[in-house]
Structures are given as structure tokens and as C-alpha cells.
Amino acid sequence: MAPTTRPCPGRLRAWLTLATDNWLSRGYLAAAGSAIGFFLYAVYLSPDPGFAAIWPFAATLPLSAIAFLTPTPELDPATNWLTPLLFTTWVSLCALVNAGLLGMAARAFRTRSAA
């Protein structure tokens, strides 16, 4: 029988639990969500979005920097390959990963201080 390549739903659930089971991670997700909401408002409803992408980008560093380090598909800097939808999706995933890492740190600190 061939091994399955599907991700284990238990791992995803465990990671989402790490990302939401403490106040530090929840606060971070709220801040990142507000930055993403501001970005979407500025891009789609404001006449001049300006530098609205800086807030979600800065809120989800260092993982969000990977999106700007990857080369463009055609290696042409004039192309707009990073659309607002792709940027929002990437920043949201980075926020979940960062919140999970914060949750791991909070859990390790909690267990270390209890011992």
C-alpha cells in the first residue's frame, strides 16, 4: 500500500491550538488582523493607498520578508505579480505561523515557571 501524502489534520489542529490558546498569541493575531484590515481598506476603498502594505508586512516579520526575497516569475521588476489578494494570503499565513511560535514560547515559559 502506498503512503499517503495528505497532511495530518491533527498537526494542523495542534498548530492552530498553539496559535490561539494564550493571550499573547491572541493579541498578536488581533494586531496582525487589524493591520491586514487596514491594508484591505486602503487598497480597495481608499483613493490613495500609499504605503498601507507596510503595517501588515512589519507585523508579520520575519516570515513576510520571504515574499519580497523571492524573484518575480518573469524576472521583470515592472510586472505586478504580488497582488493584494496574494499579499493578504501570505501575510495571514505568516501571522498564523508567528502566533504558533509565540504560543510555543508561552507554553514553554508556562511549564518552566510552574516547575
C-alpha atoms as a PDB file:
ATOM      1  CA  MET A   1       0.000   0.000   0.000  1.00  0.00           C
ATOM      2  CA  ALA A   2       1.390   3.408  -0.990  1.00  0.00           C
ATOM      3  CA  PRO A   3       1.922   6.005   1.734  1.00  0.00           C
ATOM      4  CA  THR A   4      -0.477   8.928   1.730  1.00  0.00           C
ATOM      5  CA  THR A   5       0.816  12.429   1.145  1.00  0.00           C
ATOM      6  CA  ARG A   6      -2.097  14.252   2.761  1.00  0.00           C
ATOM      7  CA  PRO A   7      -1.259  16.399   5.768  1.00  0.00           C
ATOM      8  CA  CYS A   8      -2.357  15.042   9.102  1.00  0.00           C
ATOM      9  CA  PRO A   9      -5.356  17.034  10.366  1.00  0.00           C
ATOM     10  CA  GLY A  10      -4.161  16.512  13.921  1.00  0.00           C
ATOM     11  CA  ARG A  11      -0.990  18.502  13.237  1.00  0.00           C
ATOM     12  CA  LEU A  12      -2.929  21.409  11.789  1.00  0.00           C
ATOM     13  CA  ARG A  13      -5.326  21.372  14.719  1.00  0.00           C
ATOM     14  CA  ALA A  14      -2.406  21.255  17.162  1.00  0.00           C
ATOM     15  CA  TRP A  15      -0.747  24.224  15.449  1.00  0.00           C
ATOM     16  CA  LEU A  16      -3.975  26.241  15.463  1.00  0.00           C
ATOM     17  CA  THR A  17      -4.372  25.409  19.152  1.00  0.00           C
ATOM     18  CA  LEU A  18      -0.858  26.732  19.815  1.00  0.00           C
ATOM     19  CA  ALA A  19      -1.733  29.881  17.863  1.00  0.00           C
ATOM     20  CA  THR A  20      -4.896  30.617  19.845  1.00  0.00           C
ATOM     21  CA  ASP A  21      -4.651  29.084  23.319  1.00  0.00           C
ATOM     22  CA  ASN A  22      -2.974  32.011  25.119  1.00  0.00           C
ATOM     23  CA  TRP A  23      -3.486  35.745  25.364  1.00  0.00           C
ATOM     24  CA  LEU A  24      -0.129  36.624  23.851  1.00  0.00           C
ATOM     25  CA  SER A  25      -0.907  34.799  20.602  1.00  0.00           C
ATOM     26  CA  ARG A  26      -4.473  36.125  20.522  1.00  0.00           C
ATOM     27  CA  GLY A  27      -3.248  39.685  20.979  1.00  0.00           C
ATOM     28  CA  TYR A  28      -0.717  39.211  18.202  1.00  0.00           C
ATOM     29  CA  LEU A  29      -3.380  37.803  15.881  1.00  0.00           C
ATOM     30  CA  ALA A  30      -5.644  40.767  16.698  1.00  0.00           C
ATOM     31  CA  ALA A  31      -2.857  43.231  15.871  1.00  0.00           C
ATOM     32  CA  ALA A  32      -1.960  41.416  12.648  1.00  0.00           C
ATOM     33  CA  GLY A  33      -5.642  41.167  11.695  1.00  0.00           C
ATOM     34  CA  SER A  34      -6.137  44.898  12.228  1.00  0.00           C
ATOM     35  CA  ALA A  35      -3.090  45.635  10.076  1.00  0.00           C
ATOM     36  CA  ILE A  36      -4.460  43.376   7.330  1.00  0.00           C
ATOM     37  CA  GLY A  37      -7.897  45.011   7.639  1.00  0.00           C
ATOM     38  CA  PHE A  38      -6.317  48.465   7.322  1.00  0.00           C
ATOM     39  CA  PHE A  39      -4.392  47.303   4.262  1.00  0.00           C
ATOM     40  CA  LEU A  40      -7.517  45.916   2.583  1.00  0.00           C
ATOM     41  CA  TYR A  41      -9.457  49.091   3.396  1.00  0.00           C
ATOM     42  CA  ALA A  42      -6.686  51.271   1.960  1.00  0.00           C
ATOM     43  CA  VAL A  43      -6.272  49.210  -1.192  1.00  0.00           C
ATOM     44  CA  TYR A  44      -9.922  48.701  -2.108  1.00  0.00           C
ATOM     45  CA  LEU A  45     -11.781  51.660  -0.579  1.00  0.00           C
ATOM     46  CA  SER A  46      -9.290  54.487  -0.233  1.00  0.00           C
ATOM     47  CA  PRO A  47      -8.454  56.683  -3.231  1.00  0.00           C
ATOM     48  CA  ASP A  48      -4.737  56.632  -2.379  1.00  0.00           C
ATOM     49  CA  PRO A  49      -3.442  53.538  -0.548  1.00  0.00           C
ATOM     50  CA  GLY A  50       0.067  54.946  -0.205  1.00  0.00           C
ATOM     51  CA  PHE A  51       2.236  52.757   1.991  1.00  0.00           C
ATOM     52  CA  ALA A  52      -0.579  50.704   3.519  1.00  0.00           C
ATOM     53  CA  ALA A  53       1.270  47.413   2.991  1.00  0.00           C
ATOM     54  CA  ILE A  54       3.965  48.407   5.458  1.00  0.00           C
ATOM     55  CA  TRP A  55       1.788  47.711   8.519  1.00  0.00           C
ATOM     56  CA  PRO A  56       0.916  44.063   7.809  1.00  0.00           C
ATOM     57  CA  PHE A  57       4.415  43.492   6.442  1.00  0.00           C
ATOM     58  CA  ALA A  58       6.017  44.821   9.637  1.00  0.00           C
ATOM     59  CA  ALA A  59       3.547  42.997  11.882  1.00  0.00           C
ATOM     60  CA  THR A  60       4.463  39.607  10.423  1.00  0.00           C
ATOM     61  CA  LEU A  61       8.228  39.945  10.057  1.00  0.00           C
ATOM     62  CA  PRO A  62      10.498  37.969   9.600  1.00  0.00           C
ATOM     63  CA  LEU A  63       8.413  35.467   7.612  1.00  0.00           C
ATOM     64  CA  SER A  64       6.721  38.098   5.464  1.00  0.00           C
ATOM     65  CA  ALA A  65      10.096  39.202   4.103  1.00  0.00           C
ATOM     66  CA  ILE A  66      10.371  35.927   2.209  1.00  0.00           C
ATOM     67  CA  ALA A  67       7.674  37.116  -0.210  1.00  0.00           C
ATOM     68  CA  PHE A  68       9.859  40.027  -1.252  1.00  0.00           C
ATOM     69  CA  LEU A  69      13.053  37.987  -1.438  1.00  0.00           C
ATOM     70  CA  THR A  70      11.624  35.576  -3.990  1.00  0.00           C
ATOM     71  CA  PRO A  71      12.192  36.565  -7.602  1.00  0.00           C
ATOM     72  CA  THR A  72       9.327  37.557  -9.842  1.00  0.00           C
ATOM     73  CA  PRO A  73       8.051  34.894 -12.257  1.00  0.00           C
ATOM     74  CA  GLU A  74       9.380  36.641 -15.338  1.00  0.00           C
ATOM     75  CA  LEU A  75      12.309  38.335 -13.571  1.00  0.00           C
ATOM     76  CA  ASP A  76      10.860  41.643 -14.708  1.00  0.00           C
ATOM     77  CA  PRO A  77      10.538  44.208 -11.916  1.00  0.00           C
ATOM     78  CA  ALA A  78       7.820  46.052 -13.843  1.00  0.00           C
ATOM     79  CA  THR A  79       5.284  43.224 -13.509  1.00  0.00           C
ATOM     80  CA  ASN A  80       2.758  43.300 -10.703  1.00  0.00           C
ATOM     81  CA  TRP A  81       2.971  39.695  -9.562  1.00  0.00           C
ATOM     82  CA  LEU A  82       2.266  40.428  -5.903  1.00  0.00           C
ATOM     83  CA  THR A  83      -1.437  41.205  -5.996  1.00  0.00           C
ATOM     84  CA  PRO A  84      -3.314  42.422  -2.902  1.00  0.00           C
ATOM     85  CA  LEU A  85      -5.054  39.053  -2.586  1.00  0.00           C
ATOM     86  CA  LEU A  86      -1.773  37.126  -2.740  1.00  0.00           C
ATOM     87  CA  PHE A  87      -0.141  39.552  -0.301  1.00  0.00           C
ATOM     88  CA  THR A  88      -3.075  39.246   2.129  1.00  0.00           C
ATOM     89  CA  THR A  89      -2.995  35.447   1.958  1.00  0.00           C
ATOM     90  CA  TRP A  90       0.762  35.331   2.516  1.00  0.00           C
ATOM     91  CA  VAL A  91       0.642  37.773   5.437  1.00  0.00           C
ATOM     92  CA  SER A  92      -2.250  35.852   7.027  1.00  0.00           C
ATOM     93  CA  LEU A  93      -0.298  32.592   6.852  1.00  0.00           C
ATOM     94  CA  CYS A  94       2.774  34.323   8.274  1.00  0.00           C
ATOM     95  CA  ALA A  95       0.659  35.681  11.135  1.00  0.00           C
ATOM     96  CA  LEU A  96      -0.616  32.186  11.948  1.00  0.00           C
ATOM     97  CA  VAL A  97       2.895  30.754  11.939  1.00  0.00           C
ATOM     98  CA  ASN A  98       4.197  33.586  14.125  1.00  0.00           C
ATOM     99  CA  ALA A  99       1.263  33.175  16.528  1.00  0.00           C
ATOM    100  CA  GLY A 100       2.014  29.457  16.761  1.00  0.00           C
ATOM    101  CA  LEU A 101       5.649  30.216  17.575  1.00  0.00           C
ATOM    102  CA  LEU A 102       4.525  32.704  20.234  1.00  0.00           C
ATOM    103  CA  GLY A 103       2.206  30.027  21.622  1.00  0.00           C
ATOM    104  CA  MET A 104       5.078  27.544  21.802  1.00  0.00           C
ATOM    105  CA  ALA A 105       7.205  30.093  23.642  1.00  0.00           C
ATOM    106  CA  ALA A 106       4.377  30.939  26.043  1.00  0.00           C
ATOM    107  CA  ARG A 107       3.723  27.254  26.725  1.00  0.00           C
ATOM    108  CA  ALA A 108       7.425  26.583  27.346  1.00  0.00           C
ATOM    109  CA  PHE A 109       7.637  29.575  29.687  1.00  0.00           C
ATOM    110  CA  ARG A 110       4.484  28.491  31.499  1.00  0.00           C
ATOM    111  CA  THR A 111       5.739  24.935  32.057  1.00  0.00           C
ATOM    112  CA  ARG A 112       9.204  26.137  33.076  1.00  0.00           C
ATOM    113  CA  SER A 113       7.831  28.630  35.610  1.00  0.00           C
ATOM    114  CA  ALA A 114       5.421  26.018  37.061  1.00  0.00           C
ATOM    115  CA  ALA A 115       8.258  23.571  37.734  1.00  0.00           C
END
